[in-house]
Amino acid sequence: MSLQAAVGPATGADIQRLFSEGVALHRQNRLPQAMALYERILFIAPDHAGAMHHIGIAAFQAGKHQTAADFLRSALLLAPRVAAVHLDLGNACKALGRHEEALGHYQRAGELDPRLPDLHFNRAAALQALGRANEALAAYDRALRVKPRDAECHNNRAVVLKQLGRFEEALAGFDRALRHAPRFVGVHNNRGNVYREMKQFDLAKRCY
């Protein structure tokens, strides 16, 4: 006898309750318990896009990027117009080094919902990884218009400026990052690297 037969047929309300419980556990970072509920939902309703999507998110958070991508692709087949699925699949592709593929999903996510949190930041990071510096700068600028106090975004933008040889602008960007996150060690190191490129070694030493 199957599990479903043993417990009786599940209603839509039952599945929604299980999904809500899984999401609540997920938000508490109780990933194994959340995954168990998502998997239970898929046993009952294999075409439940939300459960498929959230298994992908949980796998990504656990560092299982290929597993995440596989589940997110399946979720996308079930829900091709859900912007968040495209965004999360883009993130999984980016983590796997598939930056061009990631950009395609970020593009589609932006078409469906340009207000998604972190969309422009992640797109900028993919462009940066591909060496498309000017496009990355423009994307970081868009991200900063949404979250102007994002120290990581200021830092990454300044790194691109350094790569372009625009050292004074890079230093100003690192300074902005430090105003929002003064203990961000990576920013201090990056400032030091700029001063070293400028042959200002005493100033570089003070940053490290």
Protein backbone atom coordinates (compact mmCIF):
# COMPACT_ATOMS: atom_id res chain seq x y z
CA MET A 1 0.00 0.00 0.00
CA SER A 2 1.36 3.45 -0.89
CA LEU A 3 1.86 6.16 1.70
CA GLN A 4 -0.79 8.28 0.01
CA ALA A 5 -3.32 5.45 0.12
CA ALA A 6 -2.50 4.72 3.75
CA VAL A 7 -3.20 8.26 4.89
CA GLY A 8 -6.04 8.94 2.47
CA PRO A 9 -6.17 11.33 -0.48
CA ALA A 10 -4.73 14.76 0.19
CA THR A 11 -6.80 17.82 -0.57
CA GLY A 12 -5.53 21.08 -1.98
CA ALA A 13 -5.90 22.57 1.48
CA ASP A 14 -3.73 19.79 2.95
CA ILE A 15 -1.00 20.43 0.42
CA GLN A 16 -1.12 24.19 1.00
CA ARG A 17 -0.87 23.63 4.75
CA LEU A 18 2.18 21.41 4.30
CA PHE A 19 3.76 23.96 1.98
CA SER A 20 3.13 26.81 4.42
CA GLU A 21 4.68 24.74 7.22
CA GLY A 22 7.68 23.96 5.03
CA VAL A 23 8.21 27.62 4.14
CA ALA A 24 7.96 28.59 7.82
CA LEU A 25 10.61 26.02 8.74
CA HIS A 26 12.73 27.19 5.83
CA ARG A 27 12.61 30.78 7.07
CA GLN A 28 13.83 29.52 10.45
CA ASN A 29 16.78 27.93 8.59
CA ARG A 30 15.59 24.44 9.56
CA LEU A 31 16.45 23.09 6.15
CA PRO A 32 16.22 19.31 6.76
CA GLN A 33 12.71 19.63 8.24
CA ALA A 34 11.62 21.97 5.46
CA MET A 35 13.04 19.65 2.80
CA ALA A 36 11.16 16.72 4.29
CA LEU A 37 7.88 18.58 3.91
CA TYR A 38 8.65 19.73 0.37
CA GLU A 39 9.53 16.15 -0.60
CA ARG A 40 6.31 14.91 1.00
CA ILE A 41 4.38 17.41 -1.12
CA LEU A 42 6.08 16.22 -4.29
CA PHE A 43 5.24 12.61 -3.40
CA ILE A 44 1.58 13.61 -3.24
CA ALA A 45 1.62 16.26 -6.00
CA PRO A 46 4.63 15.83 -8.32
CA ASP A 47 3.73 18.95 -10.29
CA HIS A 48 3.79 21.32 -7.30
CA ALA A 49 6.01 24.11 -8.63
CA GLY A 50 6.39 25.82 -5.25
CA ALA A 51 7.79 22.74 -3.55
CA MET A 52 10.12 22.09 -6.48
CA HIS A 53 11.30 25.71 -6.38
CA HIS A 54 11.91 25.67 -2.63
CA ILE A 55 13.85 22.40 -2.74
CA GLY A 56 16.07 24.15 -5.26
CA ILE A 57 16.49 27.13 -2.94
CA ALA A 58 17.33 24.86 0.01
CA ALA A 59 19.84 22.89 -2.04
CA PHE A 60 21.51 26.15 -3.10
CA GLN A 61 21.71 27.31 0.51
CA ALA A 62 23.32 23.97 1.39
CA GLY A 63 25.97 24.53 -1.28
CA LYS A 64 24.59 21.83 -3.60
CA HIS A 65 24.51 24.03 -6.67
CA GLN A 66 24.03 21.36 -9.33
CA THR A 67 21.16 19.78 -7.37
CA ALA A 68 19.68 23.25 -6.98
CA ALA A 69 19.92 23.89 -10.71
CA ASP A 70 18.25 20.56 -11.51
CA PHE A 71 15.27 21.23 -9.25
CA LEU A 72 14.97 24.84 -10.38
CA ARG A 73 14.91 23.77 -14.03
CA SER A 74 12.07 21.40 -13.18
CA ALA A 75 10.27 24.20 -11.36
CA LEU A 76 10.73 26.43 -14.40
CA LEU A 77 9.04 23.87 -16.64
CA LEU A 78 6.03 24.02 -14.30
CA ALA A 79 6.09 27.79 -13.76
CA PRO A 80 7.89 29.47 -16.68
CA ARG A 81 6.53 32.93 -15.89
CA VAL A 82 7.57 33.10 -12.23
CA ALA A 83 10.37 35.65 -12.04
CA ALA A 84 11.80 34.33 -8.77
CA VAL A 85 12.42 30.91 -10.31
CA HIS A 86 14.44 32.50 -13.13
CA LEU A 87 16.37 34.56 -10.58
CA ASP A 88 17.20 31.56 -8.40
CA LEU A 89 18.16 29.42 -11.39
CA GLY A 90 20.39 32.28 -12.54
CA ASN A 91 22.07 32.26 -9.13
CA ALA A 92 22.64 28.50 -9.32
CA CYS A 93 24.11 28.82 -12.82
CA LYS A 94 26.36 31.66 -11.66
CA ALA A 95 27.61 29.54 -8.75
CA LEU A 96 28.41 26.77 -11.25
CA GLY A 97 30.38 29.19 -13.42
CA ARG A 98 27.75 29.24 -16.18
CA HIS A 99 27.63 33.00 -16.36
CA GLU A 100 26.13 33.37 -19.83
CA GLU A 101 23.29 31.04 -18.89
CA ALA A 102 22.84 32.94 -15.64
CA LEU A 103 22.53 36.21 -17.56
CA GLY A 104 19.75 34.75 -19.69
CA HIS A 105 17.74 33.87 -16.59
CA TYR A 106 18.41 37.26 -15.00
CA GLN A 107 17.23 38.92 -18.19
CA ARG A 108 13.99 36.95 -18.14
CA ALA A 109 13.50 37.58 -14.43
CA GLY A 110 13.87 41.30 -15.03
CA GLU A 111 11.33 41.21 -17.84
CA LEU A 112 8.82 39.48 -15.57
CA ASP A 113 9.49 41.51 -12.42
CA PRO A 114 12.22 44.20 -12.46
CA ARG A 115 11.62 44.92 -8.76
CA LEU A 116 13.04 41.60 -7.56
CA PRO A 117 15.52 42.08 -4.70
CA ASP A 118 19.16 41.47 -5.66
CA LEU A 119 18.36 40.96 -9.36
CA HIS A 120 20.61 43.77 -10.57
CA PHE A 121 23.39 42.91 -8.11
CA ASN A 122 23.53 39.29 -9.25
CA ARG A 123 23.35 40.29 -12.90
CA ALA A 124 26.22 42.72 -12.33
CA ALA A 125 28.31 40.01 -10.68
CA ALA A 126 27.78 37.69 -13.66
CA LEU A 127 28.77 40.46 -16.07
CA GLN A 128 31.84 41.18 -13.96
CA ALA A 129 32.85 37.51 -14.04
CA LEU A 130 32.60 37.60 -17.84
CA GLY A 131 34.86 40.65 -18.02
CA ARG A 132 32.09 42.90 -19.34
CA ALA A 133 33.19 45.75 -17.11
CA ASN A 134 31.15 48.66 -18.44
CA GLU A 135 27.94 46.63 -18.42
CA ALA A 136 28.75 45.45 -14.90
CA LEU A 137 29.19 49.06 -13.74
CA ALA A 138 25.81 50.02 -15.16
CA ALA A 139 24.18 47.03 -13.46
CA TYR A 140 25.82 47.86 -10.11
CA ASP A 141 24.54 51.42 -10.49
CA ARG A 142 21.01 50.07 -10.92
CA ALA A 143 21.47 47.83 -7.88
CA LEU A 144 22.63 50.80 -5.80
CA ARG A 145 19.59 52.82 -6.79
CA VAL A 146 17.52 50.08 -5.14
CA LYS A 147 19.84 49.49 -2.14
CA PRO A 148 22.13 52.52 -1.78
CA ARG A 149 23.61 51.31 1.52
CA ASP A 150 24.72 47.91 0.19
CA ALA A 151 28.41 47.75 1.13
CA GLU A 152 29.09 44.64 -0.96
CA CYS A 153 27.66 46.32 -4.02
CA HIS A 154 29.81 49.42 -3.47
CA ASN A 155 32.83 47.16 -3.01
CA ASN A 156 32.22 45.11 -6.15
CA ARG A 157 31.61 48.23 -8.23
CA ALA A 158 34.88 49.68 -6.97
CA VAL A 159 36.70 46.46 -7.88
CA VAL A 160 35.48 46.88 -11.46
CA LEU A 161 36.73 50.48 -11.46
CA LYS A 162 40.13 49.25 -10.25
CA GLN A 163 40.24 46.69 -13.06
CA LEU A 164 39.57 49.54 -15.51
CA GLY A 165 42.45 51.55 -14.05
CA ARG A 166 40.13 54.21 -12.62
CA PHE A 167 41.92 54.19 -9.29
CA GLU A 168 40.64 57.42 -7.73
CA GLU A 169 37.04 56.43 -8.45
CA ALA A 170 37.73 52.97 -7.06
CA LEU A 171 39.06 54.44 -3.80
CA ALA A 172 35.97 56.63 -3.49
CA GLY A 173 33.82 53.54 -3.98
CA PHE A 174 35.67 51.59 -1.31
CA ASP A 175 35.28 54.55 1.04
CA ARG A 176 31.52 54.46 0.46
CA ALA A 177 31.48 50.75 1.22
CA LEU A 178 33.35 51.35 4.47
CA ARG A 179 30.93 54.05 5.55
CA HIS A 180 28.22 51.41 5.52
CA ALA A 181 30.35 48.50 6.80
CA PRO A 182 33.52 49.76 8.51
CA ARG A 183 34.65 46.26 9.52
CA PHE A 184 34.37 44.79 6.01
CA VAL A 185 37.90 43.34 5.84
CA GLY A 186 37.80 42.68 2.12
CA VAL A 187 37.21 46.35 1.39
CA HIS A 188 40.28 47.37 3.38
CA ASN A 189 42.34 44.83 1.45
CA ASN A 190 40.95 46.09 -1.84
CA ARG A 191 41.83 49.68 -0.93
CA GLY A 192 45.35 48.52 -0.18
CA ASN A 193 45.59 46.83 -3.55
CA VAL A 194 44.62 50.08 -5.29
CA TYR A 195 47.26 52.05 -3.40
CA ARG A 196 49.81 49.39 -4.30
CA GLU A 197 48.89 49.74 -7.98
CA MET A 198 49.38 53.49 -7.57
CA LYS A 199 52.84 52.84 -6.02
CA GLN A 200 51.72 54.45 -2.75
CA PHE A 201 53.08 51.65 -0.61
CA ASP A 202 52.86 53.38 2.78
CA LEU A 203 49.15 53.98 2.31
CA ALA A 204 48.74 50.41 1.11
CA LYS A 205 50.34 49.04 4.30
CA ARG A 206 47.88 50.95 6.47
CA CYS A 207 45.00 49.13 4.75
CA TYR A 208 46.24 45.59 5.26
